[in-house]
Amino acid sequence: MTSKPTIHIAGAVLSSLLFECANALTDFQGILLGTSIQTTNHTLSDNEEGQIAHTNVSLVIQGFRRLRHRIYNPQGDVDFDLFQSEIQPAEPYAVVGFFHFRRQTELSLSVREQLIMHNLASRLETVECIAIFTSSPSSDTDNRSTHAYDFGFWHAFENQHKLPVIVENMADITQHYQHFTSIGPAAPLRSRRHSPQRPPFPSIQPHHVTQHYDQLFQESFFSLQESTRVIEEKERQLAKLREEVAALRESTLRSA
């Protein structure tokens, strides 16, 4: 039994994408970069003989790229030559979805967007989802100068309902961190039509993460030492200045 995919996205990636939406002059489209992970759990049931396998699919969004040109026509047909030229630097095997930002519109898929998604997923083996980002003036302010943003993800082929979205490291309670899903899997899943010639998505090695945190710790420690030295020097200068002010005040009182 395979469930519908769950979208996992880092808070930094989501905030960066929303920042692009907030500063865009016009509506724009782009691609979502990441990988797909499958986990299988086995459960026992009194009504079934043997174990029941439940397969969970997670789409991990690790980045995005804005498209410079519109890759489709009004009928939703995709110009794949133009699309390939757009995503060439982004490594095509990492494209897991397509997104569209539009202003003051309903958060739902249009017929054209459904056609675009179907055409992309039919040709690109890693494409699994489409995301829509919208903005509209907020009614909470009198002059409606503040904009509210909303977004949703849909599956490439079964797009009747939105997919669940989990923003990593943004849990409501502390216990949720025990069920953390890494945004950099050590063993990425091959796509449903993965080619043996195509390399897997690059993984993040644990020792690289450890080295990075060690470097951050050393830099933070030296910065703290330097800040402490500067503060102590400023305090000595302040004490000396207070002594000079006190001496000047006493000299003024005597002369008066």
Protein backbone atom coordinates (compact mmCIF):
# COMPACT_ATOMS: atom_id res chain seq x y z
CA MET A 1 0.00 0.00 0.00
CA THR A 2 1.57 3.27 -1.16
CA SER A 3 0.41 6.59 0.25
CA LYS A 4 0.38 9.92 -1.53
CA PRO A 5 3.64 11.87 -1.27
CA THR A 6 4.31 14.25 1.58
CA ILE A 7 6.21 17.44 0.81
CA HIS A 8 9.22 18.16 3.04
CA ILE A 9 10.80 21.59 2.65
CA ALA A 10 13.37 23.43 4.75
CA GLY A 11 12.31 26.73 6.29
CA ALA A 12 15.23 28.50 4.61
CA VAL A 13 14.16 27.26 1.17
CA LEU A 14 10.52 28.25 1.73
CA SER A 15 11.41 31.70 3.07
CA SER A 16 13.80 32.28 0.14
CA LEU A 17 11.07 31.38 -2.33
CA LEU A 18 8.56 33.65 -0.60
CA PHE A 19 11.18 36.42 -0.64
CA GLU A 20 11.45 36.02 -4.42
CA CYS A 21 7.65 36.24 -4.67
CA ALA A 22 7.53 39.38 -2.52
CA ASN A 23 10.16 41.17 -4.62
CA ALA A 24 9.06 40.00 -8.06
CA LEU A 25 7.86 42.69 -10.48
CA THR A 26 5.57 40.24 -12.30
CA ASP A 27 4.24 36.74 -11.95
CA PHE A 28 6.85 34.08 -12.65
CA GLN A 29 7.43 30.33 -12.89
CA GLY A 30 10.23 28.05 -11.78
CA ILE A 31 11.36 24.53 -11.00
CA LEU A 32 11.65 22.77 -7.66
CA LEU A 33 14.88 20.85 -6.96
CA GLY A 34 15.20 17.91 -4.59
CA THR A 35 14.79 14.18 -4.35
CA SER A 36 12.23 11.48 -3.55
CA ILE A 37 12.45 9.07 -0.60
CA GLN A 38 10.50 5.89 0.05
CA THR A 39 10.15 4.27 3.48
CA THR A 40 8.29 1.01 4.01
CA ASN A 41 6.74 -0.01 7.34
CA HIS A 42 5.27 -3.43 8.08
CA THR A 43 2.29 -3.88 10.41
CA LEU A 44 0.39 -6.87 11.70
CA SER A 45 -3.39 -7.19 11.47
CA ASP A 46 -5.86 -9.69 12.92
CA ASN A 47 -7.84 -9.60 9.67
CA GLU A 48 -4.92 -10.34 7.34
CA GLU A 49 -2.42 -13.15 7.18
CA GLY A 50 1.15 -11.99 7.44
CA GLN A 51 2.42 -8.44 7.51
CA ILE A 52 0.95 -5.48 5.67
CA ALA A 53 3.47 -3.21 3.96
CA HIS A 54 2.82 0.53 4.03
CA THR A 55 5.02 2.60 1.75
CA ASN A 56 5.41 6.30 2.49
CA VAL A 57 6.76 8.62 -0.19
CA SER A 58 8.42 11.92 0.71
CA LEU A 59 9.34 14.64 -1.78
CA VAL A 60 12.21 16.60 -0.26
CA ILE A 61 12.47 20.12 -1.72
CA GLN A 62 16.08 21.25 -1.38
CA GLY A 63 16.06 24.29 -3.67
CA PHE A 64 14.41 26.09 -6.56
CA ARG A 65 15.29 27.98 -9.72
CA ARG A 66 13.35 30.73 -11.46
CA LEU A 67 12.77 30.28 -15.18
CA ARG A 68 13.81 33.18 -17.36
CA HIS A 69 11.32 32.38 -20.15
CA ARG A 70 7.82 31.00 -20.29
CA ILE A 71 8.17 27.38 -21.37
CA TYR A 72 4.57 26.77 -22.42
CA ASN A 73 1.99 28.17 -24.81
CA PRO A 74 -1.61 29.21 -23.98
CA GLN A 75 -2.76 25.61 -24.58
CA GLY A 76 -0.38 24.21 -21.97
CA ASP A 77 2.03 22.57 -24.45
CA VAL A 78 5.60 22.63 -23.12
CA ASP A 79 8.58 23.62 -25.27
CA PHE A 80 11.00 20.98 -23.99
CA ASP A 81 13.97 22.34 -25.94
CA LEU A 82 13.55 25.68 -24.18
CA PHE A 83 12.93 23.91 -20.88
CA GLN A 84 16.11 21.83 -21.17
CA SER A 85 18.14 24.96 -21.94
CA GLU A 86 16.70 26.63 -18.83
CA ILE A 87 17.49 23.76 -16.42
CA GLN A 88 20.86 22.73 -17.85
CA PRO A 89 22.92 24.25 -15.00
CA ALA A 90 20.51 22.83 -12.41
CA GLU A 91 21.17 19.15 -13.23
CA PRO A 92 17.92 17.85 -14.80
CA TYR A 93 17.76 14.71 -12.66
CA ALA A 94 17.11 16.88 -9.56
CA VAL A 95 13.95 18.54 -10.92
CA VAL A 96 11.06 17.21 -8.82
CA GLY A 97 8.40 19.82 -9.55
CA PHE A 98 7.18 23.01 -11.16
CA PHE A 99 5.89 26.13 -9.37
CA HIS A 100 3.96 29.21 -10.44
CA PHE A 101 3.60 32.49 -8.54
CA ARG A 102 0.59 34.67 -9.37
CA ARG A 103 -1.02 37.64 -7.63
CA GLN A 104 -4.58 38.07 -6.37
CA THR A 105 -5.83 34.73 -7.65
CA GLU A 106 -7.47 31.74 -6.05
CA LEU A 107 -5.18 29.06 -4.67
CA SER A 108 -6.18 26.29 -7.07
CA LEU A 109 -4.89 24.66 -10.22
CA SER A 110 -6.08 25.99 -13.56
CA VAL A 111 -6.72 23.68 -16.48
CA ARG A 112 -3.61 25.04 -18.20
CA GLU A 113 -1.46 24.30 -15.14
CA GLN A 114 -2.80 20.77 -14.98
CA LEU A 115 -1.85 20.28 -18.65
CA ILE A 116 1.62 21.75 -18.06
CA MET A 117 2.18 19.45 -15.11
CA HIS A 118 0.96 16.38 -17.01
CA ASN A 119 3.23 17.16 -19.96
CA LEU A 120 6.27 17.72 -17.74
CA ALA A 121 5.70 14.59 -15.64
CA SER A 122 5.16 12.50 -18.77
CA ARG A 123 8.53 13.48 -20.19
CA LEU A 124 10.70 14.05 -17.09
CA GLU A 125 10.97 11.00 -14.87
CA THR A 126 11.73 12.86 -11.62
CA VAL A 127 8.89 15.41 -11.76
CA GLU A 128 6.30 14.60 -9.09
CA CYS A 129 4.47 17.76 -8.05
CA ILE A 130 3.34 21.29 -8.86
CA ALA A 131 3.17 24.21 -6.42
CA ILE A 132 1.14 27.40 -6.61
CA PHE A 133 2.10 30.55 -4.67
CA THR A 134 -0.34 33.46 -4.42
CA SER A 135 -0.40 36.88 -2.77
CA SER A 136 -3.25 39.25 -2.02
CA PRO A 137 -3.70 42.45 0.04
CA SER A 138 -4.38 41.66 3.66
CA SER A 139 -7.69 42.82 5.11
CA ASP A 140 -6.07 43.28 8.54
CA THR A 141 -4.72 46.73 7.62
CA ASP A 142 -6.80 49.80 6.80
CA ASN A 143 -4.88 50.76 3.67
CA ARG A 144 -4.37 47.12 2.58
CA SER A 145 -0.65 47.79 2.17
CA THR A 146 0.34 44.44 3.68
CA HIS A 147 0.21 41.36 1.46
CA ALA A 148 -0.65 37.85 2.64
CA TYR A 149 0.95 34.85 0.94
CA ASP A 150 -0.39 31.34 0.56
CA PHE A 151 0.81 28.22 -1.22
CA GLY A 152 -0.19 24.66 -2.02
CA PHE A 153 1.32 21.53 -3.55
CA TRP A 154 -0.42 19.02 -5.80
CA HIS A 155 0.60 15.64 -7.18
CA ALA A 156 1.52 15.51 -10.85
CA PHE A 157 -1.20 13.05 -11.85
CA GLU A 158 -3.64 12.92 -8.91
CA ASN A 159 -4.28 16.62 -8.35
CA GLN A 160 -7.79 16.61 -6.90
CA HIS A 161 -6.49 17.40 -3.41
CA LYS A 162 -3.48 19.26 -2.05
CA LEU A 163 -0.52 17.33 -0.68
CA PRO A 164 0.47 17.66 2.99
CA VAL A 165 3.45 19.97 3.55
CA ILE A 166 5.95 19.68 6.40
CA VAL A 167 8.32 22.58 7.02
CA GLU A 168 11.35 20.96 8.65
CA ASN A 169 12.52 22.31 12.03
CA MET A 170 9.23 24.21 12.42
CA ALA A 171 7.43 21.80 14.75
CA ASP A 172 4.76 23.05 17.16
CA ILE A 173 6.09 21.06 20.11
CA THR A 174 9.51 19.73 21.07
CA GLN A 175 8.52 16.06 20.77
CA HIS A 176 8.02 16.46 17.02
CA TYR A 177 11.79 16.70 16.56
CA GLN A 178 12.00 12.99 17.37
CA HIS A 179 10.30 12.30 14.03
CA PHE A 180 12.58 14.52 11.99
CA THR A 181 13.08 13.60 8.31
CA SER A 182 16.45 14.68 6.96
CA ILE A 183 16.44 17.09 4.01
CA GLY A 184 19.69 15.49 2.82
CA PRO A 185 19.08 11.71 2.61
CA ALA A 186 22.11 9.46 2.64
CA ALA A 187 20.51 7.05 0.13
CA PRO A 188 18.24 8.89 -2.32
CA LEU A 189 15.50 6.85 -3.97
CA ARG A 190 15.64 6.26 -7.68
CA SER A 191 12.68 7.77 -9.46
CA ARG A 192 9.82 5.70 -10.84
CA ARG A 193 11.48 5.67 -14.28
CA HIS A 194 15.09 6.16 -13.23
CA SER A 195 17.73 5.56 -15.88
CA PRO A 196 20.80 3.53 -14.80
CA GLN A 197 23.03 6.00 -16.65
CA ARG A 198 21.79 8.92 -14.63
CA PRO A 199 23.71 9.55 -11.38
CA PRO A 200 21.75 9.63 -8.09
CA PHE A 201 21.15 12.89 -6.30
CA PRO A 202 24.30 13.90 -4.37
CA SER A 203 24.07 13.14 -0.65
CA ILE A 204 25.47 15.00 2.34
CA GLN A 205 28.09 13.00 4.21
CA PRO A 206 27.91 13.14 8.04
CA HIS A 207 31.61 13.99 8.48
CA HIS A 208 31.16 17.06 6.25
CA VAL A 209 28.39 18.25 8.54
CA THR A 210 30.58 17.61 11.61
CA GLN A 211 33.49 19.53 10.09
CA HIS A 212 31.17 22.39 9.21
CA TYR A 213 29.87 22.65 12.78
CA ASP A 214 33.42 22.43 14.18
CA GLN A 215 34.43 25.31 11.96
CA LEU A 216 31.40 27.34 13.03
CA PHE A 217 32.22 26.64 16.69
CA GLN A 218 35.83 27.77 16.29
CA GLU A 219 34.81 30.93 14.46
CA SER A 220 32.13 31.69 17.07
CA PHE A 221 34.59 31.08 19.93
CA PHE A 222 37.24 33.40 18.45
CA SER A 223 34.58 36.04 17.73
CA LEU A 224 33.40 35.80 21.34
CA GLN A 225 36.97 36.22 22.59
CA GLU A 226 37.51 39.25 20.38
CA SER A 227 34.19 40.79 21.47
CA THR A 228 35.11 40.23 25.13
CA ARG A 229 38.48 41.92 24.62
CA VAL A 230 36.83 44.92 22.93
CA ILE A 231 34.24 45.24 25.71
CA GLU A 232 36.93 45.12 28.42
CA GLU A 233 38.93 47.80 26.61
CA LYS A 234 35.83 49.99 26.26
CA GLU A 235 35.06 49.55 29.96
CA ARG A 236 38.61 50.65 30.87
CA GLN A 237 38.25 53.70 28.61
CA LEU A 238 34.86 54.47 30.18
CA ALA A 239 36.30 54.22 33.71
CA LYS A 240 39.16 56.54 32.76
CA LEU A 241 36.70 58.99 31.20
CA ARG A 242 34.59 58.98 34.37
CA GLU A 243 37.68 59.74 36.45
CA GLU A 244 38.55 62.68 34.16
CA VAL A 245 34.99 64.00 34.37
CA ALA A 246 35.00 63.71 38.15
CA ALA A 247 38.36 65.50 38.37
CA LEU A 248 37.18 68.26 36.05
CA ARG A 249 33.96 68.69 38.06
CA GLU A 250 35.93 68.92 41.33
CA SER A 251 38.34 71.45 39.78
CA THR A 252 35.39 73.55 38.57
CA LEU A 253 33.80 73.56 42.02
CA ARG A 254 37.05 74.65 43.66
CA SER A 255 37.58 77.49 41.19
CA ALA A 256 34.02 78.67 41.72
